[in-house]
Amino acid sequence: MPNILDIYDSEIMAIQEALGPIKVKALGLAVDRDALEREIIERMYMLGFRVEVVWNYTNVEDCFMPTVQFNARTNERFSFDPDRMRHEIVNDLAEISELGKGNTIKAPQHGH
């Protein structure tokens, strides 16, 4: 079983932004897979990740979709900080609550 890489919400948002243009390119039928794979690897390296690109078959002939597997960080001395993750979640950095970015998500109060 591969290692699970801890990734912060802020990094997930940066990854989504960096891969946005790649999605559009990958949808084309005349895609240079080698060039696209290099671009994905380079973009993720710039964000601090070592990745592997796996090409998956689709139901369209000669059309493949890439899956990005995050294997490691470029900084081997990185250690995951659960306090940073908690801060990003509580402050809704990923904008998953209805309150919107910048609002604090409060835990339910018990016994008050």
Protein backbone atom coordinates (compact mmCIF):
# COMPACT_ATOMS: atom_id res chain seq x y z
CA MET A 1 0.00 0.00 0.00
CA PRO A 2 1.46 3.41 -0.97
CA ASN A 3 2.16 6.09 1.61
CA ILE A 4 -0.62 8.57 2.19
CA LEU A 5 0.70 12.09 1.85
CA ASP A 6 -0.77 14.68 4.21
CA ILE A 7 -1.76 17.74 2.18
CA TYR A 8 -3.09 21.01 3.60
CA ASP A 9 -6.33 22.57 2.33
CA SER A 10 -4.33 25.53 1.00
CA GLU A 11 -2.14 23.13 -1.00
CA ILE A 12 -5.20 21.36 -2.42
CA MET A 13 -6.49 24.70 -3.67
CA ALA A 14 -3.10 25.50 -5.26
CA ILE A 15 -3.00 22.05 -6.89
CA GLN A 16 -6.50 22.52 -8.33
CA GLU A 17 -5.52 25.90 -9.74
CA ALA A 18 -2.29 24.54 -11.25
CA LEU A 19 -4.06 21.57 -12.85
CA GLY A 20 -6.98 23.58 -14.24
CA PRO A 21 -5.33 24.30 -17.61
CA ILE A 22 -4.11 20.70 -17.78
CA LYS A 23 -7.68 19.38 -17.65
CA VAL A 24 -8.57 21.36 -20.76
CA LYS A 25 -5.51 20.07 -22.63
CA ALA A 26 -6.13 16.46 -21.55
CA LEU A 27 -9.60 16.51 -23.08
CA GLY A 28 -8.18 16.95 -26.58
CA LEU A 29 -7.85 13.89 -28.78
CA ALA A 30 -4.52 14.92 -30.30
CA VAL A 31 -2.65 15.24 -27.02
CA ASP A 32 1.10 14.86 -26.71
CA ARG A 33 0.97 12.70 -23.59
CA ASP A 34 4.71 12.96 -22.91
CA ALA A 35 4.63 16.77 -23.01
CA LEU A 36 1.48 16.90 -20.89
CA GLU A 37 2.99 14.51 -18.35
CA ARG A 38 6.14 16.64 -18.11
CA GLU A 39 4.01 19.74 -17.59
CA ILE A 40 2.03 18.07 -14.78
CA ILE A 41 5.23 16.87 -13.08
CA GLU A 42 6.83 20.33 -13.38
CA ARG A 43 3.76 22.17 -12.07
CA MET A 44 3.50 19.86 -9.07
CA TYR A 45 7.25 20.11 -8.42
CA MET A 46 6.91 23.90 -8.29
CA LEU A 47 4.26 23.40 -5.59
CA GLY A 48 6.62 21.13 -3.64
CA PHE A 49 5.46 17.65 -4.66
CA ARG A 50 7.00 14.66 -6.40
CA VAL A 51 4.29 12.97 -8.44
CA GLU A 52 3.71 10.15 -10.85
CA VAL A 53 1.26 10.44 -13.73
CA VAL A 54 -0.81 7.37 -14.59
CA TRP A 55 -2.73 7.34 -17.85
CA ASN A 56 -6.18 5.75 -17.69
CA TYR A 57 -8.22 4.42 -20.58
CA THR A 58 -11.54 6.13 -21.30
CA ASN A 59 -14.55 4.97 -23.28
CA VAL A 60 -13.34 7.14 -26.19
CA GLU A 61 -10.87 5.43 -28.52
CA ASP A 62 -7.29 6.76 -28.20
CA CYS A 63 -8.34 9.13 -25.40
CA PHE A 64 -6.61 8.75 -22.05
CA MET A 65 -7.05 10.73 -18.83
CA PRO A 66 -4.21 11.35 -16.41
CA THR A 67 -4.36 10.56 -12.71
CA VAL A 68 -1.78 12.30 -10.54
CA GLN A 69 -0.33 10.25 -7.68
CA PHE A 70 1.37 12.31 -4.99
CA ASN A 71 4.38 10.29 -3.81
CA ALA A 72 6.48 12.68 -1.72
CA ARG A 73 7.40 16.26 -1.06
CA THR A 74 10.39 17.93 -2.65
CA ASN A 75 11.49 19.05 0.82
CA GLU A 76 12.43 15.84 2.62
CA ARG A 77 12.64 17.73 5.93
CA PHE A 78 8.95 18.66 5.80
CA SER A 79 6.89 17.45 8.71
CA PHE A 80 3.12 17.74 8.72
CA ASP A 81 1.80 20.27 11.23
CA PRO A 82 -1.64 19.24 12.55
CA ASP A 83 -2.03 22.70 14.14
CA ARG A 84 -1.68 24.33 10.71
CA MET A 85 -4.28 21.94 9.28
CA ARG A 86 -6.64 22.67 12.16
CA HIS A 87 -6.17 26.42 11.57
CA GLU A 88 -6.93 26.05 7.85
CA ILE A 89 -10.04 23.96 8.56
CA VAL A 90 -11.38 26.19 11.35
CA ASN A 91 -10.85 29.29 9.20
CA ASP A 92 -12.50 27.56 6.21
CA LEU A 93 -9.62 28.19 3.86
CA ALA A 94 -11.07 25.70 1.37
CA GLU A 95 -14.43 27.52 1.49
CA ILE A 96 -16.45 24.39 2.22
CA SER A 97 -18.90 25.94 4.67
CA GLU A 98 -21.86 28.07 3.68
CA LEU A 99 -20.32 30.93 5.66
CA GLY A 100 -17.63 31.59 3.07
CA LYS A 101 -13.90 32.19 3.23
CA GLY A 102 -12.58 34.05 6.23
CA ASN A 103 -15.39 33.02 8.57
CA THR A 104 -14.60 30.80 11.49
CA ILE A 105 -16.26 27.41 11.74
CA LYS A 106 -17.26 26.94 15.34
CA ALA A 107 -17.51 23.56 17.01
CA PRO A 108 -20.82 22.81 18.71
CA GLN A 109 -20.85 23.67 22.42
CA HIS A 110 -21.87 20.81 24.68
CA GLY A 111 -23.51 21.40 28.04
CA HIS A 112 -24.03 25.16 27.67
